[in-house]
Amino acid sequence: MVCYPVMLVDHLRDLQSLYEQQYSEYLRQKAQPTELQVVGERSVVLEREVAEQASIVQRLKQEITELKAEQERLRQEAAEEVVDRYKASEEMKLQMDEYAKASFEAGFNVFHQRVLRHYPELIEVLQG
């Protein structure tokens, strides 16, 4: 019977060693995140990234809207400037036509006066 207590002590030591092994394995596994925890954490990170991307997209849409409005404003200003330049060039053409007409009439009047003064006989011949 001497054997039994020694065997019992050995058996208890083996049980304690097995318990310690299993407990350390349990602690090691508990320290490592489960697949569900990893997926959950990754999901949170992805949701945050999606929210950031959505914010960026919203900001870019706003900037595009503002740029389109600015483009339309500049297009209208350019169109108005073209119209103003066209009107100014038409006015300039009219003024130049009036100046040319007035210039021609003044020159013709001077020529006519000279002809009347210097060549009265030519006038008599032309009149007939």
N, C-alpha and C. Protein backbone atom coordinates (compact mmCIF):
# COMPACT_ATOMS: atom_id res chain seq x y z
N MET A 1 0.79 -1.19 0.00
CA MET A 1 0.00 0.00 0.00
C MET A 1 0.83 1.26 0.00
N VAL A 2 2.01 1.11 0.11
CA VAL A 2 2.92 2.25 0.09
C VAL A 2 2.89 2.90 -1.28
N CYS A 3 2.64 2.13 -2.21
CA CYS A 3 2.63 2.58 -3.60
C CYS A 3 1.50 3.56 -3.89
N TYR A 4 0.37 3.32 -3.27
CA TYR A 4 -0.78 4.15 -3.57
C TYR A 4 -0.59 5.62 -3.19
N PRO A 5 -0.09 5.94 -2.04
CA PRO A 5 0.08 7.35 -1.74
C PRO A 5 1.08 8.00 -2.68
N VAL A 6 2.12 7.30 -3.06
CA VAL A 6 3.11 7.87 -3.99
C VAL A 6 2.45 8.07 -5.34
N MET A 7 1.67 7.09 -5.74
CA MET A 7 0.98 7.19 -7.02
C MET A 7 -0.06 8.32 -6.96
N LEU A 8 -0.69 8.45 -5.83
CA LEU A 8 -1.67 9.50 -5.66
C LEU A 8 -1.01 10.87 -5.75
N VAL A 9 0.15 11.03 -5.12
CA VAL A 9 0.88 12.30 -5.17
C VAL A 9 1.32 12.57 -6.60
N ASP A 10 1.82 11.52 -7.27
CA ASP A 10 2.24 11.69 -8.68
C ASP A 10 1.04 12.07 -9.55
N HIS A 11 -0.07 11.42 -9.28
CA HIS A 11 -1.28 11.71 -10.05
C HIS A 11 -1.76 13.14 -9.80
N LEU A 12 -1.68 13.59 -8.55
CA LEU A 12 -2.07 14.96 -8.22
C LEU A 12 -1.14 15.97 -8.89
N ARG A 13 0.15 15.64 -8.91
CA ARG A 13 1.12 16.52 -9.59
C ARG A 13 0.80 16.58 -11.09
N ASP A 14 0.50 15.43 -11.67
CA ASP A 14 0.16 15.40 -13.10
C ASP A 14 -1.10 16.22 -13.37
N LEU A 15 -2.08 16.10 -12.47
CA LEU A 15 -3.32 16.87 -12.61
C LEU A 15 -3.05 18.36 -12.47
N GLN A 16 -2.20 18.69 -11.49
CA GLN A 16 -1.87 20.11 -11.30
C GLN A 16 -1.12 20.63 -12.52
N SER A 17 -0.18 19.88 -13.06
CA SER A 17 0.57 20.28 -14.25
C SER A 17 -0.38 20.44 -15.44
N LEU A 18 -1.28 19.49 -15.60
CA LEU A 18 -2.26 19.57 -16.68
C LEU A 18 -3.16 20.78 -16.51
N TYR A 19 -3.60 21.02 -15.27
CA TYR A 19 -4.43 22.19 -14.99
C TYR A 19 -3.67 23.47 -15.33
N GLU A 20 -2.43 23.57 -14.92
CA GLU A 20 -1.62 24.77 -15.20
C GLU A 20 -1.43 24.96 -16.70
N GLN A 21 -1.22 23.86 -17.40
CA GLN A 21 -1.05 23.91 -18.85
C GLN A 21 -2.33 24.41 -19.52
N GLN A 22 -3.43 23.81 -19.13
CA GLN A 22 -4.70 24.20 -19.73
C GLN A 22 -5.09 25.63 -19.36
N TYR A 23 -4.79 25.99 -18.11
CA TYR A 23 -5.10 27.36 -17.69
C TYR A 23 -4.24 28.36 -18.45
N SER A 24 -2.95 28.08 -18.64
CA SER A 24 -2.09 29.00 -19.41
C SER A 24 -2.55 29.06 -20.87
N GLU A 25 -2.99 27.92 -21.41
CA GLU A 25 -3.52 27.90 -22.78
C GLU A 25 -4.79 28.75 -22.86
N TYR A 26 -5.64 28.61 -21.84
CA TYR A 26 -6.87 29.41 -21.77
C TYR A 26 -6.55 30.89 -21.72
N LEU A 27 -5.58 31.29 -20.89
CA LEU A 27 -5.19 32.69 -20.78
C LEU A 27 -4.60 33.21 -22.09
N ARG A 28 -3.79 32.35 -22.74
CA ARG A 28 -3.19 32.74 -24.02
C ARG A 28 -4.29 32.97 -25.07
N GLN A 29 -5.24 32.07 -25.14
CA GLN A 29 -6.32 32.21 -26.11
C GLN A 29 -7.22 33.39 -25.77
N LYS A 30 -7.41 33.60 -24.47
CA LYS A 30 -8.24 34.73 -24.06
C LYS A 30 -7.57 36.04 -24.41
N ALA A 31 -6.23 36.08 -24.33
CA ALA A 31 -5.49 37.30 -24.65
C ALA A 31 -5.56 37.60 -26.15
N GLN A 32 -5.66 36.57 -26.97
CA GLN A 32 -5.77 36.78 -28.41
C GLN A 32 -7.23 37.09 -28.76
N PRO A 33 -7.41 38.09 -29.61
CA PRO A 33 -8.79 38.42 -29.97
C PRO A 33 -9.39 37.29 -30.82
N THR A 34 -10.65 37.11 -30.64
CA THR A 34 -11.34 36.10 -31.45
C THR A 34 -11.56 36.66 -32.85
N GLU A 35 -11.90 35.78 -33.75
CA GLU A 35 -12.14 36.20 -35.12
C GLU A 35 -13.29 37.21 -35.18
N LEU A 36 -14.27 37.00 -34.35
CA LEU A 36 -15.41 37.91 -34.30
C LEU A 36 -14.98 39.29 -33.81
N GLN A 37 -14.09 39.31 -32.80
CA GLN A 37 -13.58 40.59 -32.30
C GLN A 37 -12.76 41.29 -33.37
N VAL A 38 -11.91 40.52 -34.09
CA VAL A 38 -11.09 41.11 -35.16
C VAL A 38 -11.98 41.70 -36.24
N VAL A 39 -12.99 40.93 -36.64
CA VAL A 39 -13.92 41.41 -37.66
C VAL A 39 -14.67 42.65 -37.16
N GLY A 40 -15.08 42.63 -35.90
CA GLY A 40 -15.79 43.77 -35.33
C GLY A 40 -14.92 45.02 -35.30
N GLU A 41 -13.66 44.86 -34.88
CA GLU A 41 -12.75 46.01 -34.85
C GLU A 41 -12.49 46.52 -36.25
N ARG A 42 -12.30 45.60 -37.18
CA ARG A 42 -12.07 46.00 -38.58
C ARG A 42 -13.30 46.71 -39.13
N SER A 43 -14.47 46.23 -38.74
CA SER A 43 -15.72 46.85 -39.17
C SER A 43 -15.81 48.29 -38.68
N VAL A 44 -15.44 48.49 -37.42
CA VAL A 44 -15.46 49.85 -36.85
C VAL A 44 -14.50 50.75 -37.62
N VAL A 45 -13.30 50.23 -37.92
CA VAL A 45 -12.31 51.01 -38.67
C VAL A 45 -12.84 51.34 -40.05
N LEU A 46 -13.43 50.35 -40.71
CA LEU A 46 -13.98 50.58 -42.05
C LEU A 46 -15.15 51.56 -42.03
N GLU A 47 -16.00 51.48 -41.01
CA GLU A 47 -17.10 52.43 -40.90
C GLU A 47 -16.57 53.85 -40.74
N ARG A 48 -15.51 53.99 -39.95
CA ARG A 48 -14.90 55.30 -39.75
C ARG A 48 -14.32 55.82 -41.08
N GLU A 49 -13.63 54.92 -41.81
CA GLU A 49 -13.06 55.31 -43.10
C GLU A 49 -14.15 55.68 -44.10
N VAL A 50 -15.23 54.92 -44.10
CA VAL A 50 -16.35 55.21 -45.00
C VAL A 50 -16.95 56.57 -44.66
N ALA A 51 -17.09 56.86 -43.38
CA ALA A 51 -17.63 58.16 -42.96
C ALA A 51 -16.70 59.29 -43.41
N GLU A 52 -15.38 59.07 -43.27
CA GLU A 52 -14.42 60.09 -43.71
C GLU A 52 -14.52 60.29 -45.22
N GLN A 53 -14.60 59.17 -45.97
CA GLN A 53 -14.71 59.26 -47.42
C GLN A 53 -16.01 59.96 -47.83
N ALA A 54 -17.09 59.66 -47.13
CA ALA A 54 -18.37 60.31 -47.42
C ALA A 54 -18.26 61.82 -47.17
N SER A 55 -17.57 62.18 -46.11
CA SER A 55 -17.37 63.59 -45.81
C SER A 55 -16.56 64.26 -46.91
N ILE A 56 -15.52 63.58 -47.38
CA ILE A 56 -14.69 64.12 -48.46
C ILE A 56 -15.53 64.27 -49.73
N VAL A 57 -16.32 63.24 -50.04
CA VAL A 57 -17.17 63.29 -51.24
C VAL A 57 -18.15 64.45 -51.14
N GLN A 58 -18.74 64.63 -49.99
CA GLN A 58 -19.70 65.74 -49.79
C GLN A 58 -19.01 67.08 -49.98
N ARG A 59 -17.80 67.21 -49.41
CA ARG A 59 -17.06 68.46 -49.55
C ARG A 59 -16.70 68.71 -51.02
N LEU A 60 -16.29 67.64 -51.73
CA LEU A 60 -15.96 67.79 -53.15
C LEU A 60 -17.19 68.15 -53.98
N LYS A 61 -18.34 67.57 -53.65
CA LYS A 61 -19.57 67.93 -54.36
C LYS A 61 -19.89 69.40 -54.15
N GLN A 62 -19.71 69.88 -52.92
CA GLN A 62 -19.95 71.29 -52.61
C GLN A 62 -19.00 72.17 -53.41
N GLU A 63 -17.72 71.78 -53.45
CA GLU A 63 -16.74 72.55 -54.21
C GLU A 63 -17.07 72.56 -55.69
N ILE A 64 -17.53 71.41 -56.22
CA ILE A 64 -17.91 71.33 -57.63
C ILE A 64 -19.07 72.27 -57.90
N THR A 65 -20.05 72.28 -57.01
CA THR A 65 -21.21 73.16 -57.17
C THR A 65 -20.76 74.62 -57.16
N GLU A 66 -19.87 74.96 -56.23
CA GLU A 66 -19.37 76.34 -56.16
C GLU A 66 -18.57 76.69 -57.42
N LEU A 67 -17.75 75.75 -57.91
CA LEU A 67 -16.97 76.01 -59.12
C LEU A 67 -17.86 76.16 -60.34
N LYS A 68 -18.93 75.36 -60.42
CA LYS A 68 -19.87 75.50 -61.53
C LYS A 68 -20.55 76.87 -61.49
N ALA A 69 -20.92 77.30 -60.29
CA ALA A 69 -21.55 78.62 -60.15
C ALA A 69 -20.55 79.71 -60.56
N GLU A 70 -19.30 79.58 -60.14
CA GLU A 70 -18.26 80.55 -60.51
C GLU A 70 -18.04 80.54 -62.03
N GLN A 71 -18.02 79.34 -62.61
CA GLN A 71 -17.85 79.21 -64.06
C GLN A 71 -19.00 79.90 -64.80
N GLU A 72 -20.22 79.69 -64.34
CA GLU A 72 -21.38 80.33 -64.97
C GLU A 72 -21.31 81.85 -64.84
N ARG A 73 -20.91 82.32 -63.66
CA ARG A 73 -20.78 83.76 -63.45
C ARG A 73 -19.73 84.34 -64.40
N LEU A 74 -18.58 83.65 -64.51
CA LEU A 74 -17.51 84.13 -65.41
C LEU A 74 -17.96 84.08 -66.87
N ARG A 75 -18.73 83.04 -67.23
CA ARG A 75 -19.22 82.94 -68.60
C ARG A 75 -20.16 84.10 -68.91
N GLN A 76 -21.03 84.43 -67.96
CA GLN A 76 -21.95 85.55 -68.16
C GLN A 76 -21.19 86.87 -68.25
N GLU A 77 -20.19 87.04 -67.40
CA GLU A 77 -19.38 88.26 -67.46
C GLU A 77 -18.67 88.37 -68.80
N ALA A 78 -18.13 87.26 -69.29
CA ALA A 78 -17.44 87.26 -70.58
C ALA A 78 -18.43 87.58 -71.70
N ALA A 79 -19.63 87.01 -71.63
CA ALA A 79 -20.64 87.29 -72.66
C ALA A 79 -21.03 88.76 -72.64
N GLU A 80 -21.20 89.32 -71.44
CA GLU A 80 -21.53 90.74 -71.32
C GLU A 80 -20.39 91.60 -71.87
N GLU A 81 -19.16 91.20 -71.60
CA GLU A 81 -18.02 91.96 -72.10
C GLU A 81 -17.96 91.91 -73.63
N VAL A 82 -18.26 90.75 -74.21
CA VAL A 82 -18.28 90.63 -75.67
C VAL A 82 -19.36 91.55 -76.24
N VAL A 83 -20.54 91.55 -75.62
CA VAL A 83 -21.63 92.41 -76.09
C VAL A 83 -21.22 93.88 -75.96
N ASP A 84 -20.61 94.24 -74.83
CA ASP A 84 -20.18 95.62 -74.62
C ASP A 84 -19.14 96.03 -75.67
N ARG A 85 -18.19 95.13 -75.94
CA ARG A 85 -17.17 95.44 -76.96
C ARG A 85 -17.79 95.58 -78.34
N TYR A 86 -18.76 94.72 -78.64
CA TYR A 86 -19.42 94.80 -79.93
C TYR A 86 -20.15 96.13 -80.07
N LYS A 87 -20.88 96.50 -79.00
CA LYS A 87 -21.58 97.79 -79.03
C LYS A 87 -20.60 98.94 -79.18
N ALA A 88 -19.48 98.86 -78.46
CA ALA A 88 -18.47 99.92 -78.55
C ALA A 88 -17.90 99.99 -79.96
N SER A 89 -17.65 98.83 -80.58
CA SER A 89 -17.09 98.84 -81.93
C SER A 89 -18.12 99.38 -82.93
N GLU A 90 -19.40 99.05 -82.73
CA GLU A 90 -20.45 99.60 -83.60
C GLU A 90 -20.53 101.12 -83.44
N GLU A 91 -20.45 101.60 -82.22
CA GLU A 91 -20.46 103.05 -81.98
C GLU A 91 -19.27 103.70 -82.65
N MET A 92 -18.10 103.04 -82.52
CA MET A 92 -16.89 103.58 -83.13
C MET A 92 -17.04 103.63 -84.64
N LYS A 93 -17.64 102.58 -85.23
CA LYS A 93 -17.86 102.57 -86.68
C LYS A 93 -18.77 103.73 -87.09
N LEU A 94 -19.86 103.94 -86.32
CA LEU A 94 -20.77 105.04 -86.63
C LEU A 94 -20.06 106.38 -86.51
N GLN A 95 -19.26 106.55 -85.47
CA GLN A 95 -18.52 107.81 -85.30
C GLN A 95 -17.53 108.00 -86.44
N MET A 96 -16.87 106.91 -86.83
CA MET A 96 -15.90 107.02 -87.93
C MET A 96 -16.61 107.34 -89.24
N ASP A 97 -17.78 106.72 -89.46
CA ASP A 97 -18.57 107.03 -90.66
C ASP A 97 -18.98 108.50 -90.67
N GLU A 98 -19.47 108.99 -89.51
CA GLU A 98 -19.87 110.39 -89.41
C GLU A 98 -18.67 111.31 -89.63
N TYR A 99 -17.52 110.94 -89.05
CA TYR A 99 -16.31 111.74 -89.22
C TYR A 99 -15.88 111.73 -90.68
N ALA A 100 -15.92 110.56 -91.32
CA ALA A 100 -15.53 110.48 -92.73
C ALA A 100 -16.48 111.30 -93.60
N LYS A 101 -17.77 111.20 -93.31
CA LYS A 101 -18.75 111.97 -94.07
C LYS A 101 -18.52 113.47 -93.88
N ALA A 102 -18.34 113.85 -92.60
CA ALA A 102 -18.11 115.26 -92.31
C ALA A 102 -16.81 115.72 -92.95
N SER A 103 -15.81 114.88 -92.90
CA SER A 103 -14.52 115.21 -93.49
C SER A 103 -14.64 115.37 -95.00
N PHE A 104 -15.37 114.45 -95.63
CA PHE A 104 -15.55 114.51 -97.07
C PHE A 104 -16.32 115.76 -97.44
N GLU A 105 -17.40 116.03 -96.68
CA GLU A 105 -18.20 117.22 -96.97
C GLU A 105 -17.37 118.49 -96.78
N ALA A 106 -16.57 118.53 -95.73
CA ALA A 106 -15.73 119.71 -95.50
C ALA A 106 -14.71 119.86 -96.62
N GLY A 107 -14.10 118.74 -96.98
CA GLY A 107 -13.13 118.79 -98.08
C GLY A 107 -13.78 119.18 -99.39
N PHE A 108 -14.96 118.64 -99.66
CA PHE A 108 -15.66 118.97 -100.88
C PHE A 108 -16.05 120.44 -100.91
N ASN A 109 -16.51 120.94 -99.74
CA ASN A 109 -16.89 122.35 -99.65
C ASN A 109 -15.67 123.24 -99.90
N VAL A 110 -14.53 122.89 -99.33
CA VAL A 110 -13.30 123.68 -99.55
C VAL A 110 -12.94 123.63 -101.04
N PHE A 111 -12.98 122.42 -101.62
CA PHE A 111 -12.67 122.26 -103.04
C PHE A 111 -13.64 123.09 -103.88
N HIS A 112 -14.91 123.02 -103.54
CA HIS A 112 -15.93 123.74 -104.29
C HIS A 112 -15.70 125.26 -104.20
N GLN A 113 -15.38 125.73 -103.00
CA GLN A 113 -15.10 127.16 -102.81
C GLN A 113 -13.89 127.58 -103.63
N ARG A 114 -12.86 126.77 -103.66
CA ARG A 114 -11.65 127.10 -104.44
C ARG A 114 -11.96 127.14 -105.93
N VAL A 115 -12.74 126.14 -106.33
CA VAL A 115 -13.09 126.11 -107.75
C VAL A 115 -13.88 127.36 -108.08
N LEU A 116 -14.81 127.75 -107.22
CA LEU A 116 -15.61 128.94 -107.49
C LEU A 116 -14.75 130.20 -107.52
N ARG A 117 -13.77 130.25 -106.63
CA ARG A 117 -12.92 131.43 -106.57
C ARG A 117 -11.92 131.48 -107.71
N HIS A 118 -11.29 130.37 -107.99
CA HIS A 118 -10.16 130.38 -108.92
C HIS A 118 -10.54 130.05 -110.35
N TYR A 119 -11.63 129.35 -110.52
CA TYR A 119 -11.99 128.95 -111.89
C TYR A 119 -13.44 129.30 -112.20
N PRO A 120 -13.80 130.56 -112.14
CA PRO A 120 -15.19 130.90 -112.40
C PRO A 120 -15.60 130.56 -113.83
N GLU A 121 -14.65 130.64 -114.75
CA GLU A 121 -15.02 130.31 -116.11
C GLU A 121 -15.33 128.83 -116.27
N LEU A 122 -14.66 127.97 -115.51
CA LEU A 122 -14.93 126.52 -115.54
C LEU A 122 -16.35 126.25 -115.07
N ILE A 123 -16.79 127.01 -114.09
CA ILE A 123 -18.14 126.85 -113.55
C ILE A 123 -19.15 127.24 -114.62
N GLU A 124 -18.84 128.33 -115.33
CA GLU A 124 -19.76 128.76 -116.38
C GLU A 124 -19.85 127.71 -117.48
N VAL A 125 -18.73 127.11 -117.82
CA VAL A 125 -18.73 126.07 -118.88
C VAL A 125 -19.51 124.86 -118.40
N LEU A 126 -19.31 124.46 -117.15
CA LEU A 126 -19.99 123.28 -116.62
C LEU A 126 -21.48 123.52 -116.47
N GLN A 127 -21.86 124.75 -116.14
CA GLN A 127 -23.28 125.02 -115.97
C GLN A 127 -23.96 125.19 -117.33
N GLY A 128 -23.17 125.45 -118.25
CA GLY A 128 -23.66 125.43 -119.49
C GLY A 128 -24.08 126.11 -120.56
